[in-house]
N, C-alpha and C. Protein backbone atom coordinates (compact mmCIF):
# COMPACT_ATOMS: atom_id res chain seq x y z
N MET A 1 18.66 -24.62 18.49
CA MET A 1 18.40 -25.72 17.58
C MET A 1 16.89 -25.92 17.47
N PRO A 2 16.34 -26.04 16.24
CA PRO A 2 14.90 -26.24 16.08
C PRO A 2 14.45 -27.56 16.71
N GLU A 3 13.23 -27.53 17.27
CA GLU A 3 12.69 -28.75 17.86
C GLU A 3 12.29 -29.73 16.76
N PRO A 4 12.39 -31.05 16.99
CA PRO A 4 11.99 -32.03 15.97
C PRO A 4 10.49 -31.98 15.72
N VAL A 5 10.11 -32.27 14.50
CA VAL A 5 8.72 -32.23 14.10
C VAL A 5 8.25 -33.64 13.80
N GLY A 6 7.14 -34.06 14.38
CA GLY A 6 6.61 -35.40 14.16
C GLY A 6 5.86 -35.50 12.84
N VAL A 7 5.51 -36.72 12.47
CA VAL A 7 4.76 -36.96 11.24
C VAL A 7 3.33 -36.45 11.46
N GLY A 8 2.77 -35.85 10.43
CA GLY A 8 1.40 -35.36 10.52
C GLY A 8 1.26 -33.91 10.95
N VAL A 9 2.37 -33.21 11.13
CA VAL A 9 2.31 -31.79 11.44
C VAL A 9 3.15 -31.03 10.41
N CYS A 10 2.77 -29.81 10.14
CA CYS A 10 3.48 -28.98 9.17
C CYS A 10 4.90 -28.71 9.67
N ALA A 11 5.88 -28.97 8.82
CA ALA A 11 7.29 -28.80 9.19
C ALA A 11 7.87 -27.48 8.69
N HIS A 12 7.04 -26.56 8.23
CA HIS A 12 7.54 -25.27 7.73
C HIS A 12 8.16 -24.49 8.89
N TRP A 13 9.37 -23.98 8.65
CA TRP A 13 10.07 -23.18 9.66
C TRP A 13 9.66 -21.72 9.51
N ILE A 14 9.12 -21.15 10.58
CA ILE A 14 8.74 -19.74 10.61
C ILE A 14 9.91 -19.00 11.25
N GLY A 15 10.77 -18.48 10.40
CA GLY A 15 12.02 -17.88 10.87
C GLY A 15 11.85 -16.73 11.83
N ASP A 16 10.89 -15.84 11.57
CA ASP A 16 10.68 -14.68 12.44
C ASP A 16 10.29 -15.10 13.86
N GLU A 17 9.61 -16.26 13.97
CA GLU A 17 9.14 -16.72 15.28
C GLU A 17 10.04 -17.82 15.86
N HIS A 18 11.06 -18.23 15.12
CA HIS A 18 12.01 -19.26 15.55
C HIS A 18 11.30 -20.55 15.96
N ARG A 19 10.37 -21.01 15.11
CA ARG A 19 9.64 -22.24 15.41
C ARG A 19 9.08 -22.84 14.13
N HIS A 20 8.65 -24.11 14.22
CA HIS A 20 7.93 -24.75 13.12
C HIS A 20 6.46 -24.38 13.22
N CYS A 21 5.74 -24.50 12.11
CA CYS A 21 4.32 -24.18 12.07
C CYS A 21 3.52 -25.12 13.00
N HIS A 22 3.73 -26.42 12.87
CA HIS A 22 3.08 -27.44 13.69
C HIS A 22 1.58 -27.55 13.48
N SER A 23 1.02 -26.96 12.43
CA SER A 23 -0.41 -27.12 12.16
C SER A 23 -0.71 -28.57 11.83
N ARG A 24 -1.86 -29.06 12.23
CA ARG A 24 -2.30 -30.42 11.92
C ARG A 24 -3.44 -30.40 10.91
N ASP A 25 -3.83 -29.22 10.45
CA ASP A 25 -4.96 -29.05 9.54
C ASP A 25 -4.59 -29.41 8.10
N ARG A 26 -5.14 -30.47 7.56
CA ARG A 26 -4.98 -30.90 6.16
C ARG A 26 -3.52 -30.96 5.72
N VAL A 27 -2.66 -31.50 6.55
CA VAL A 27 -1.23 -31.64 6.23
C VAL A 27 -1.04 -32.72 5.17
N ARG A 28 -0.22 -32.41 4.16
CA ARG A 28 0.07 -33.36 3.07
C ARG A 28 1.58 -33.46 2.89
N PRO A 29 2.05 -34.62 2.41
CA PRO A 29 3.49 -34.77 2.20
C PRO A 29 3.98 -34.05 0.93
N TYR A 30 5.11 -33.41 1.03
CA TYR A 30 5.79 -32.77 -0.10
C TYR A 30 7.26 -33.17 -0.03
N LEU A 31 8.01 -32.92 -1.08
CA LEU A 31 9.44 -33.23 -1.05
C LEU A 31 10.17 -32.47 0.05
N THR A 32 9.67 -31.30 0.39
CA THR A 32 10.29 -30.48 1.44
C THR A 32 9.81 -30.87 2.83
N GLY A 33 8.93 -31.87 2.92
CA GLY A 33 8.40 -32.33 4.20
C GLY A 33 6.91 -32.09 4.27
N PRO A 34 6.27 -32.51 5.35
CA PRO A 34 4.83 -32.30 5.49
C PRO A 34 4.49 -30.82 5.57
N ARG A 35 3.45 -30.41 4.86
CA ARG A 35 3.06 -29.00 4.82
C ARG A 35 1.55 -28.84 4.95
N CYS A 36 1.12 -27.80 5.68
CA CYS A 36 -0.29 -27.42 5.75
C CYS A 36 -0.61 -26.59 4.51
N PRO A 37 -1.88 -26.32 4.21
CA PRO A 37 -2.22 -25.55 3.00
C PRO A 37 -1.57 -24.15 2.94
N ASP A 38 -1.28 -23.55 4.08
CA ASP A 38 -0.67 -22.21 4.09
C ASP A 38 0.82 -22.23 3.74
N HIS A 39 1.45 -23.40 3.82
CA HIS A 39 2.89 -23.47 3.63
C HIS A 39 3.33 -24.44 2.54
N THR A 40 2.46 -24.75 1.58
CA THR A 40 2.86 -25.58 0.45
C THR A 40 3.83 -24.76 -0.42
N PRO A 41 4.61 -25.42 -1.26
CA PRO A 41 5.54 -24.66 -2.12
C PRO A 41 4.83 -23.59 -2.95
N ASN A 42 3.66 -23.90 -3.52
CA ASN A 42 2.95 -22.90 -4.31
C ASN A 42 2.39 -21.78 -3.43
N ALA A 43 1.87 -22.11 -2.25
CA ALA A 43 1.33 -21.08 -1.36
C ALA A 43 2.42 -20.08 -0.97
N LEU A 44 3.62 -20.56 -0.73
CA LEU A 44 4.72 -19.66 -0.37
C LEU A 44 5.13 -18.76 -1.53
N LYS A 45 4.85 -19.20 -2.75
CA LYS A 45 5.14 -18.38 -3.94
C LYS A 45 3.96 -17.50 -4.33
N GLY A 46 2.82 -17.66 -3.64
CA GLY A 46 1.63 -16.87 -3.97
C GLY A 46 0.87 -17.42 -5.17
N LEU A 47 1.09 -18.70 -5.50
CA LEU A 47 0.44 -19.32 -6.65
C LEU A 47 -0.66 -20.27 -6.18
N PRO A 48 -1.68 -20.52 -7.01
CA PRO A 48 -2.71 -21.50 -6.65
C PRO A 48 -2.15 -22.91 -6.69
N GLU A 49 -2.78 -23.81 -5.96
CA GLU A 49 -2.38 -25.21 -5.99
C GLU A 49 -2.79 -25.81 -7.32
N PRO A 50 -2.06 -26.77 -7.84
CA PRO A 50 -2.46 -27.44 -9.09
C PRO A 50 -3.86 -28.03 -8.94
N GLY A 51 -4.65 -27.86 -9.97
CA GLY A 51 -6.02 -28.37 -9.96
C GLY A 51 -7.03 -27.44 -9.34
N THR A 52 -6.59 -26.27 -8.85
CA THR A 52 -7.52 -25.31 -8.27
C THR A 52 -8.22 -24.56 -9.40
N PRO A 53 -9.57 -24.57 -9.39
CA PRO A 53 -10.28 -23.82 -10.45
C PRO A 53 -9.96 -22.34 -10.37
N ARG A 54 -9.80 -21.75 -11.51
CA ARG A 54 -9.51 -20.30 -11.57
C ARG A 54 -10.73 -19.57 -12.06
N LYS A 55 -10.88 -18.35 -11.60
CA LYS A 55 -12.00 -17.52 -12.06
C LYS A 55 -11.73 -17.07 -13.49
N ALA A 56 -12.76 -17.11 -14.28
CA ALA A 56 -12.64 -16.66 -15.68
C ALA A 56 -12.56 -15.13 -15.70
N SER A 57 -11.63 -14.62 -16.47
CA SER A 57 -11.54 -13.16 -16.62
C SER A 57 -12.35 -12.71 -17.81
N LEU A 58 -12.97 -11.56 -17.66
CA LEU A 58 -13.81 -11.03 -18.76
C LEU A 58 -13.10 -9.96 -19.52
């Protein structure tokens, strides 16, 4: 059974390691629970976060 995750830590489940991320670095609330920048919904899809400036292509 996964260990409970407190408020303020990333709640992303790392299946291969059978544990939660537990990062405290810049954790923000999402509908799926608190997430660090590496485990936001867009980061998991390989997409930039909304509002992130993009490089202009030539």
